[in-house]
Amino acid sequence: MSENEEQARFFVRTWAEAVLRQAERAQAIRHQARQDDRNYERMEDWSPSMEVLERNFRAQWAEEHQLVWAAHQLERWDARLRRERGQEPRKEDPFLKDIRDALEHLDEVDFTGDQAVSPVPVKGKEYIGRAIRKLPGRALDLSLGGSALVGGIPPQAIEARALEAVQAVEQELEQEQREEYAAFLHAVEHDPELRNSLERLADFYAYPERVIGPPLAQGGSPDTATKA
């Protein structure tokens, strides 16, 4: 495996795990927000205040934004890994990319009601608001709630892709470990000195009271470990 492929696989696993971790955080705050919304509507003494609902909204927005970002990173690194292996990358999800771009450049656009909209294009700066213009209705809904994430992304699709990536990498690592262990057993079988050293080590840790000194000398020879 080349260094480029190894690093790409590392980042696939990193971002896949990040998506699953972030999905759990986003799900937790969505659940809390729904519960607090219901309790607020009851108008009881123990009901949360509007300040709590607003804090929930801010937390949910940030967590879901970060989930979309992590999913986009996973998609990019999965494509890089496939290119390193001479494989055709998965078809990019244009909606995910547009949502990610819209969120990344949200500070450049205009706002009306509960939506972010593209400003009037200016010559030479047509790129401003381009991602917003690609979205359905040419706007990004700023409200939260329901089963979708910010921007209308279904969370199940993101989580399923991340889980698939994590499992694929872990299966590869397990296969590599099995191959390394098989190679080690082969080496032991054909190297009497190594096999003898390993047997002395096992004897030392199984019955330390029967051995004087360390199991092996600094030079790697078992001769200095004598039984009492």
C-alpha atoms as a PDB file:
ATOM      1  CA  MET A   1       0.000   0.000   0.000  1.00  0.00           C
ATOM      2  CA  SER A   2       1.393   3.410  -0.973  1.00  0.00           C
ATOM      3  CA  GLU A   3       1.689   6.206   1.566  1.00  0.00           C
ATOM      4  CA  ASN A   4      -0.962   8.208  -0.295  1.00  0.00           C
ATOM      5  CA  GLU A   5      -3.407   5.305  -0.132  1.00  0.00           C
ATOM      6  CA  GLU A   6      -2.662   4.690   3.534  1.00  0.00           C
ATOM      7  CA  GLN A   7      -3.254   8.338   4.424  1.00  0.00           C
ATOM      8  CA  ALA A   8      -6.450   8.466   2.359  1.00  0.00           C
ATOM      9  CA  ARG A   9      -7.758   5.388   4.172  1.00  0.00           C
ATOM     10  CA  PHE A  10      -6.873   7.010   7.497  1.00  0.00           C
ATOM     11  CA  PHE A  11      -8.930  10.100   6.645  1.00  0.00           C
ATOM     12  CA  VAL A  12     -11.856   8.027   5.374  1.00  0.00           C
ATOM     13  CA  ARG A  13     -11.991   6.279   8.729  1.00  0.00           C
ATOM     14  CA  THR A  14     -11.468   9.561  10.610  1.00  0.00           C
ATOM     15  CA  TRP A  15     -14.356  11.357   8.903  1.00  0.00           C
ATOM     16  CA  ALA A  16     -16.649   8.328   8.868  1.00  0.00           C
ATOM     17  CA  GLU A  17     -16.275   8.047  12.636  1.00  0.00           C
ATOM     18  CA  ALA A  18     -16.755  11.814  12.926  1.00  0.00           C
ATOM     19  CA  VAL A  19     -20.034  11.600  10.992  1.00  0.00           C
ATOM     20  CA  LEU A  20     -21.361   8.880  13.292  1.00  0.00           C
ATOM     21  CA  ARG A  21     -20.239  10.792  16.381  1.00  0.00           C
ATOM     22  CA  GLN A  22     -21.683  14.051  15.099  1.00  0.00           C
ATOM     23  CA  ALA A  23     -24.921  12.373  14.040  1.00  0.00           C
ATOM     24  CA  GLU A  24     -25.388  11.172  17.605  1.00  0.00           C
ATOM     25  CA  ARG A  25     -24.820  14.704  18.929  1.00  0.00           C
ATOM     26  CA  ALA A  26     -27.253  16.214  16.419  1.00  0.00           C
ATOM     27  CA  GLN A  27     -29.864  13.571  17.210  1.00  0.00           C
ATOM     28  CA  ALA A  28     -29.532  14.267  20.938  1.00  0.00           C
ATOM     29  CA  ILE A  29     -30.073  18.027  20.577  1.00  0.00           C
ATOM     30  CA  ARG A  30     -33.008  17.478  18.178  1.00  0.00           C
ATOM     31  CA  HIS A  31     -34.646  15.228  20.750  1.00  0.00           C
ATOM     32  CA  GLN A  32     -34.014  17.761  23.521  1.00  0.00           C
ATOM     33  CA  ALA A  33     -35.359  20.619  21.411  1.00  0.00           C
ATOM     34  CA  ARG A  34     -38.572  18.739  20.580  1.00  0.00           C
ATOM     35  CA  GLN A  35     -39.120  17.848  24.210  1.00  0.00           C
ATOM     36  CA  ASP A  36     -38.537  21.414  25.379  1.00  0.00           C
ATOM     37  CA  ASP A  37     -40.865  22.752  22.658  1.00  0.00           C
ATOM     38  CA  ARG A  38     -43.679  20.471  23.851  1.00  0.00           C
ATOM     39  CA  ASN A  39     -43.106  21.417  27.480  1.00  0.00           C
ATOM     40  CA  TYR A  40     -43.024  25.111  26.607  1.00  0.00           C
ATOM     41  CA  GLU A  41     -46.452  24.874  24.980  1.00  0.00           C
ATOM     42  CA  ARG A  42     -47.938  23.540  28.222  1.00  0.00           C
ATOM     43  CA  MET A  43     -47.138  26.841  29.958  1.00  0.00           C
ATOM     44  CA  GLU A  44     -46.612  25.205  33.345  1.00  0.00           C
ATOM     45  CA  ASP A  45     -44.388  26.479  36.134  1.00  0.00           C
ATOM     46  CA  TRP A  46     -41.791  23.890  35.186  1.00  0.00           C
ATOM     47  CA  SER A  47     -41.961  24.658  31.459  1.00  0.00           C
ATOM     48  CA  PRO A  48     -38.695  25.898  29.880  1.00  0.00           C
ATOM     49  CA  SER A  49     -38.339  29.561  29.023  1.00  0.00           C
ATOM     50  CA  MET A  50     -38.059  31.050  25.553  1.00  0.00           C
ATOM     51  CA  GLU A  51     -34.373  31.577  26.287  1.00  0.00           C
ATOM     52  CA  VAL A  52     -33.940  27.800  26.574  1.00  0.00           C
ATOM     53  CA  LEU A  53     -35.701  27.243  23.233  1.00  0.00           C
ATOM     54  CA  GLU A  54     -33.479  29.808  21.538  1.00  0.00           C
ATOM     55  CA  ARG A  55     -30.360  28.190  23.016  1.00  0.00           C
ATOM     56  CA  ASN A  56     -31.536  24.803  21.748  1.00  0.00           C
ATOM     57  CA  PHE A  57     -32.031  26.256  18.274  1.00  0.00           C
ATOM     58  CA  ARG A  58     -28.507  27.663  18.184  1.00  0.00           C
ATOM     59  CA  ALA A  59     -27.018  24.384  19.401  1.00  0.00           C
ATOM     60  CA  GLN A  60     -29.021  22.317  16.919  1.00  0.00           C
ATOM     61  CA  TRP A  61     -28.075  24.584  14.039  1.00  0.00           C
ATOM     62  CA  ALA A  62     -24.363  24.317  14.823  1.00  0.00           C
ATOM     63  CA  GLU A  63     -24.405  20.548  15.381  1.00  0.00           C
ATOM     64  CA  GLU A  64     -26.292  19.877  12.145  1.00  0.00           C
ATOM     65  CA  HIS A  65     -24.034  22.230  10.194  1.00  0.00           C
ATOM     66  CA  GLN A  66     -21.007  20.313  11.464  1.00  0.00           C
ATOM     67  CA  LEU A  67     -22.655  17.004  10.521  1.00  0.00           C
ATOM     68  CA  VAL A  68     -23.112  18.216   6.937  1.00  0.00           C
ATOM     69  CA  TRP A  69     -19.463  19.365   6.870  1.00  0.00           C
ATOM     70  CA  ALA A  70     -18.213  16.010   8.182  1.00  0.00           C
ATOM     71  CA  ALA A  71     -20.324  14.141   5.606  1.00  0.00           C
ATOM     72  CA  HIS A  72     -18.863  16.271   2.825  1.00  0.00           C
ATOM     73  CA  GLN A  73     -15.319  15.551   4.038  1.00  0.00           C
ATOM     74  CA  LEU A  74     -16.075  11.828   4.121  1.00  0.00           C
ATOM     75  CA  GLU A  75     -17.329  11.979   0.554  1.00  0.00           C
ATOM     76  CA  ARG A  76     -14.179  13.763  -0.633  1.00  0.00           C
ATOM     77  CA  TRP A  77     -11.762  11.389   1.122  1.00  0.00           C
ATOM     78  CA  ASP A  78     -13.678   8.343  -0.066  1.00  0.00           C
ATOM     79  CA  ALA A  79     -13.222   9.635  -3.619  1.00  0.00           C
ATOM     80  CA  ARG A  80      -9.481  10.188  -3.003  1.00  0.00           C
ATOM     81  CA  LEU A  81      -9.045   6.662  -1.647  1.00  0.00           C
ATOM     82  CA  ARG A  82     -10.798   5.180  -4.649  1.00  0.00           C
ATOM     83  CA  ARG A  83      -8.601   7.176  -7.046  1.00  0.00           C
ATOM     84  CA  GLU A  84      -5.482   5.972  -5.220  1.00  0.00           C
ATOM     85  CA  ARG A  85      -6.694   2.394  -5.766  1.00  0.00           C
ATOM     86  CA  GLY A  86      -7.410   2.964  -9.438  1.00  0.00           C
ATOM     87  CA  GLN A  87     -11.152   2.775  -8.861  1.00  0.00           C
ATOM     88  CA  GLU A  88     -13.917   5.023 -10.122  1.00  0.00           C
ATOM     89  CA  PRO A  89     -15.038   7.407  -7.329  1.00  0.00           C
ATOM     90  CA  ARG A  90     -18.644   7.278  -6.221  1.00  0.00           C
ATOM     91  CA  LYS A  91     -20.906   9.742  -7.941  1.00  0.00           C
ATOM     92  CA  GLU A  92     -20.819  12.974  -5.946  1.00  0.00           C
ATOM     93  CA  ASP A  93     -24.056  14.001  -4.263  1.00  0.00           C
ATOM     94  CA  PRO A  94     -24.628  17.471  -5.768  1.00  0.00           C
ATOM     95  CA  PHE A  95     -27.288  18.377  -3.193  1.00  0.00           C
ATOM     96  CA  LEU A  96     -24.935  17.660  -0.288  1.00  0.00           C
ATOM     97  CA  LYS A  97     -22.215  19.738  -1.944  1.00  0.00           C
ATOM     98  CA  ASP A  98     -24.564  22.659  -2.605  1.00  0.00           C
ATOM     99  CA  ILE A  99     -25.852  22.612   0.988  1.00  0.00           C
ATOM    100  CA  ARG A 100     -22.302  22.495   2.328  1.00  0.00           C
ATOM    101  CA  ASP A 101     -21.238  25.374   0.058  1.00  0.00           C
ATOM    102  CA  ALA A 102     -24.324  27.396   0.970  1.00  0.00           C
ATOM    103  CA  LEU A 103     -23.625  26.973   4.674  1.00  0.00           C
ATOM    104  CA  GLU A 104     -19.919  27.715   4.246  1.00  0.00           C
ATOM    105  CA  HIS A 105     -20.650  31.022   2.511  1.00  0.00           C
ATOM    106  CA  LEU A 106     -23.744  31.955   4.478  1.00  0.00           C
ATOM    107  CA  ASP A 107     -22.071  35.168   5.645  1.00  0.00           C
ATOM    108  CA  GLU A 108     -22.051  36.474   2.051  1.00  0.00           C
ATOM    109  CA  VAL A 109     -25.779  36.299   1.297  1.00  0.00           C
ATOM    110  CA  ASP A 110     -28.950  38.187   2.202  1.00  0.00           C
ATOM    111  CA  PHE A 111     -31.762  37.187   4.552  1.00  0.00           C
ATOM    112  CA  THR A 112     -35.488  37.577   4.276  1.00  0.00           C
ATOM    113  CA  GLY A 113     -37.932  36.047   6.707  1.00  0.00           C
ATOM    114  CA  ASP A 114     -36.635  32.594   7.631  1.00  0.00           C
ATOM    115  CA  GLN A 115     -34.608  32.135   4.465  1.00  0.00           C
ATOM    116  CA  ALA A 116     -31.138  32.915   3.176  1.00  0.00           C
ATOM    117  CA  VAL A 117     -31.264  34.188  -0.399  1.00  0.00           C
ATOM    118  CA  SER A 118     -28.704  35.114  -2.983  1.00  0.00           C
ATOM    119  CA  PRO A 119     -27.946  38.837  -3.340  1.00  0.00           C
ATOM    120  CA  VAL A 120     -28.432  40.473  -6.710  1.00  0.00           C
ATOM    121  CA  PRO A 121     -25.490  39.296  -8.847  1.00  0.00           C
ATOM    122  CA  VAL A 122     -22.818  41.934  -9.357  1.00  0.00           C
ATOM    123  CA  LYS A 123     -20.533  41.845 -12.374  1.00  0.00           C
ATOM    124  CA  GLY A 124     -17.279  40.181 -11.436  1.00  0.00           C
ATOM    125  CA  LYS A 125     -18.770  38.684  -8.269  1.00  0.00           C
ATOM    126  CA  GLU A 126     -21.351  36.327  -9.737  1.00  0.00           C
ATOM    127  CA  TYR A 127     -19.929  33.548  -7.563  1.00  0.00           C
ATOM    128  CA  ILE A 128     -21.474  35.122  -4.451  1.00  0.00           C
ATOM    129  CA  GLY A 129     -24.628  33.206  -3.587  1.00  0.00           C
ATOM    130  CA  ARG A 130     -24.052  30.669  -6.365  1.00  0.00           C
ATOM    131  CA  ALA A 131     -24.678  27.664  -4.088  1.00  0.00           C
ATOM    132  CA  ILE A 132     -27.890  29.256  -2.769  1.00  0.00           C
ATOM    133  CA  ARG A 133     -29.137  29.718  -6.329  1.00  0.00           C
ATOM    134  CA  LYS A 134     -28.641  25.984  -6.974  1.00  0.00           C
ATOM    135  CA  LEU A 135     -30.944  24.964  -4.119  1.00  0.00           C
ATOM    136  CA  PRO A 136     -34.666  24.262  -4.588  1.00  0.00           C
ATOM    137  CA  GLY A 137     -36.488  27.568  -4.535  1.00  0.00           C
ATOM    138  CA  ARG A 138     -33.103  29.329  -4.856  1.00  0.00           C
ATOM    139  CA  ALA A 139     -33.070  29.783  -1.063  1.00  0.00           C
ATOM    140  CA  LEU A 140     -31.860  28.066   2.110  1.00  0.00           C
ATOM    141  CA  ASP A 141     -34.546  27.554   4.743  1.00  0.00           C
ATOM    142  CA  LEU A 142     -33.177  28.661   8.117  1.00  0.00           C
ATOM    143  CA  SER A 143     -35.872  26.980  10.193  1.00  0.00           C
ATOM    144  CA  LEU A 144     -35.259  23.648  11.908  1.00  0.00           C
ATOM    145  CA  GLY A 145     -37.471  20.743  12.873  1.00  0.00           C
ATOM    146  CA  GLY A 146     -39.003  17.628  11.430  1.00  0.00           C
ATOM    147  CA  SER A 147     -36.959  14.618  10.351  1.00  0.00           C
ATOM    148  CA  ALA A 148     -34.523  16.456   8.058  1.00  0.00           C
ATOM    149  CA  LEU A 149     -31.314  18.278   8.910  1.00  0.00           C
ATOM    150  CA  VAL A 150     -30.581  21.899   8.149  1.00  0.00           C
ATOM    151  CA  GLY A 151     -31.119  22.461   4.445  1.00  0.00           C
ATOM    152  CA  GLY A 152     -33.355  19.401   4.054  1.00  0.00           C
ATOM    153  CA  ILE A 153     -30.639  16.709   4.130  1.00  0.00           C
ATOM    154  CA  PRO A 154     -31.996  13.307   5.297  1.00  0.00           C
ATOM    155  CA  PRO A 155     -29.787  12.217   8.230  1.00  0.00           C
ATOM    156  CA  GLN A 156     -30.317   8.497   7.611  1.00  0.00           C
ATOM    157  CA  ALA A 157     -28.506   8.658   4.264  1.00  0.00           C
ATOM    158  CA  ILE A 158     -25.499  10.404   5.809  1.00  0.00           C
ATOM    159  CA  GLU A 159     -25.284   8.014   8.753  1.00  0.00           C
ATOM    160  CA  ALA A 160     -25.642   4.924   6.558  1.00  0.00           C
ATOM    161  CA  ARG A 161     -22.782   6.050   4.310  1.00  0.00           C
ATOM    162  CA  ALA A 162     -20.523   6.687   7.298  1.00  0.00           C
ATOM    163  CA  LEU A 163     -21.303   3.321   8.866  1.00  0.00           C
ATOM    164  CA  GLU A 164     -20.531   1.596   5.579  1.00  0.00           C
ATOM    165  CA  ALA A 165     -17.157   3.363   5.373  1.00  0.00           C
ATOM    166  CA  VAL A 166     -16.203   2.536   8.963  1.00  0.00           C
ATOM    167  CA  GLN A 167     -17.088  -1.131   8.528  1.00  0.00           C
ATOM    168  CA  ALA A 168     -15.170  -1.357   5.232  1.00  0.00           C
ATOM    169  CA  VAL A 169     -11.994   0.079   6.754  1.00  0.00           C
ATOM    170  CA  GLU A 170     -12.263  -2.088   9.873  1.00  0.00           C
ATOM    171  CA  GLN A 171     -12.681  -5.202   7.719  1.00  0.00           C
ATOM    172  CA  GLU A 172      -9.538  -4.264   5.788  1.00  0.00           C
ATOM    173  CA  LEU A 173      -7.590  -3.762   9.012  1.00  0.00           C
ATOM    174  CA  GLU A 174      -8.807  -7.092  10.397  1.00  0.00           C
ATOM    175  CA  GLN A 175      -7.730  -8.831   7.178  1.00  0.00           C
ATOM    176  CA  GLU A 176      -4.302  -7.198   7.384  1.00  0.00           C
ATOM    177  CA  GLN A 177      -3.940  -8.326  11.009  1.00  0.00           C
ATOM    178  CA  ARG A 178      -4.864 -11.885  10.062  1.00  0.00           C
ATOM    179  CA  GLU A 179      -2.284 -11.847   7.273  1.00  0.00           C
ATOM    180  CA  GLU A 180       0.394 -10.449   9.592  1.00  0.00           C
ATOM    181  CA  TYR A 181      -0.382 -13.085  12.199  1.00  0.00           C
ATOM    182  CA  ALA A 182      -0.232 -15.848   9.590  1.00  0.00           C
ATOM    183  CA  ALA A 183       3.151 -14.536   8.442  1.00  0.00           C
ATOM    184  CA  PHE A 184       4.344 -14.468  12.056  1.00  0.00           C
ATOM    185  CA  LEU A 185       3.264 -18.077  12.639  1.00  0.00           C
ATOM    186  CA  HIS A 186       5.053 -19.098   9.452  1.00  0.00           C
ATOM    187  CA  ALA A 187       8.236 -17.382  10.668  1.00  0.00           C
ATOM    188  CA  VAL A 188       8.019 -19.087  14.074  1.00  0.00           C
ATOM    189  CA  GLU A 189       7.500 -22.478  12.456  1.00  0.00           C
ATOM    190  CA  HIS A 190      10.669 -22.105  10.382  1.00  0.00           C
ATOM    191  CA  ASP A 191      12.864 -20.451  13.018  1.00  0.00           C
ATOM    192  CA  PRO A 192      13.686 -22.790  15.964  1.00  0.00           C
ATOM    193  CA  GLU A 193      15.584 -20.080  17.844  1.00  0.00           C
ATOM    194  CA  LEU A 194      12.623 -17.673  17.683  1.00  0.00           C
ATOM    195  CA  ARG A 195      10.248 -20.437  18.726  1.00  0.00           C
ATOM    196  CA  ASN A 196      12.458 -21.299  21.708  1.00  0.00           C
ATOM    197  CA  SER A 197      12.613 -17.646  22.778  1.00  0.00           C
ATOM    198  CA  LEU A 198       8.842 -17.322  22.629  1.00  0.00           C
ATOM    199  CA  GLU A 199       8.415 -20.480  24.673  1.00  0.00           C
ATOM    200  CA  ARG A 200      10.758 -19.097  27.349  1.00  0.00           C
ATOM    201  CA  LEU A 201       8.807 -15.825  27.383  1.00  0.00           C
ATOM    202  CA  ALA A 202       5.529 -17.669  27.791  1.00  0.00           C
ATOM    203  CA  ASP A 203       7.022 -19.762  30.587  1.00  0.00           C
ATOM    204  CA  PHE A 204       8.277 -16.649  32.371  1.00  0.00           C
ATOM    205  CA  TYR A 205       4.880 -14.896  32.348  1.00  0.00           C
ATOM    206  CA  ALA A 206       3.021 -18.086  33.264  1.00  0.00           C
ATOM    207  CA  TYR A 207       5.348 -19.052  36.137  1.00  0.00           C
ATOM    208  CA  PRO A 208       7.436 -15.992  37.144  1.00  0.00           C
ATOM    209  CA  GLU A 209       8.294 -17.508  40.527  1.00  0.00           C
ATOM    210  CA  ARG A 210      10.265 -20.272  38.784  1.00  0.00           C
ATOM    211  CA  VAL A 211      12.540 -17.915  36.871  1.00  0.00           C
ATOM    212  CA  ILE A 212      15.491 -15.859  38.138  1.00  0.00           C
ATOM    213  CA  GLY A 213      16.122 -12.617  36.277  1.00  0.00           C
ATOM    214  CA  PRO A 214      14.476 -11.334  33.115  1.00  0.00           C
ATOM    215  CA  PRO A 215      13.074 -13.803  30.590  1.00  0.00           C
ATOM    216  CA  LEU A 216      15.594 -12.672  27.954  1.00  0.00           C
ATOM    217  CA  ALA A 217      18.962 -10.994  28.167  1.00  0.00           C
ATOM    218  CA  GLN A 218      19.489  -7.565  26.650  1.00  0.00           C
ATOM    219  CA  GLY A 219      21.163  -9.190  23.691  1.00  0.00           C
ATOM    220  CA  GLY A 220      18.053 -11.258  23.001  1.00  0.00           C
ATOM    221  CA  SER A 221      19.487 -14.607  24.165  1.00  0.00           C
ATOM    222  CA  PRO A 222      17.443 -16.799  26.472  1.00  0.00           C
ATOM    223  CA  ASP A 223      20.554 -18.320  28.044  1.00  0.00           C
ATOM    224  CA  THR A 224      20.831 -15.817  30.914  1.00  0.00           C
ATOM    225  CA  ALA A 225      17.352 -16.686  32.194  1.00  0.00           C
ATOM    226  CA  THR A 226      18.047 -19.722  34.349  1.00  0.00           C
ATOM    227  CA  LYS A 227      15.520 -21.665  36.303  1.00  0.00           C
ATOM    228  CA  ALA A 228      15.943 -21.913  40.044  1.00  0.00           C
END
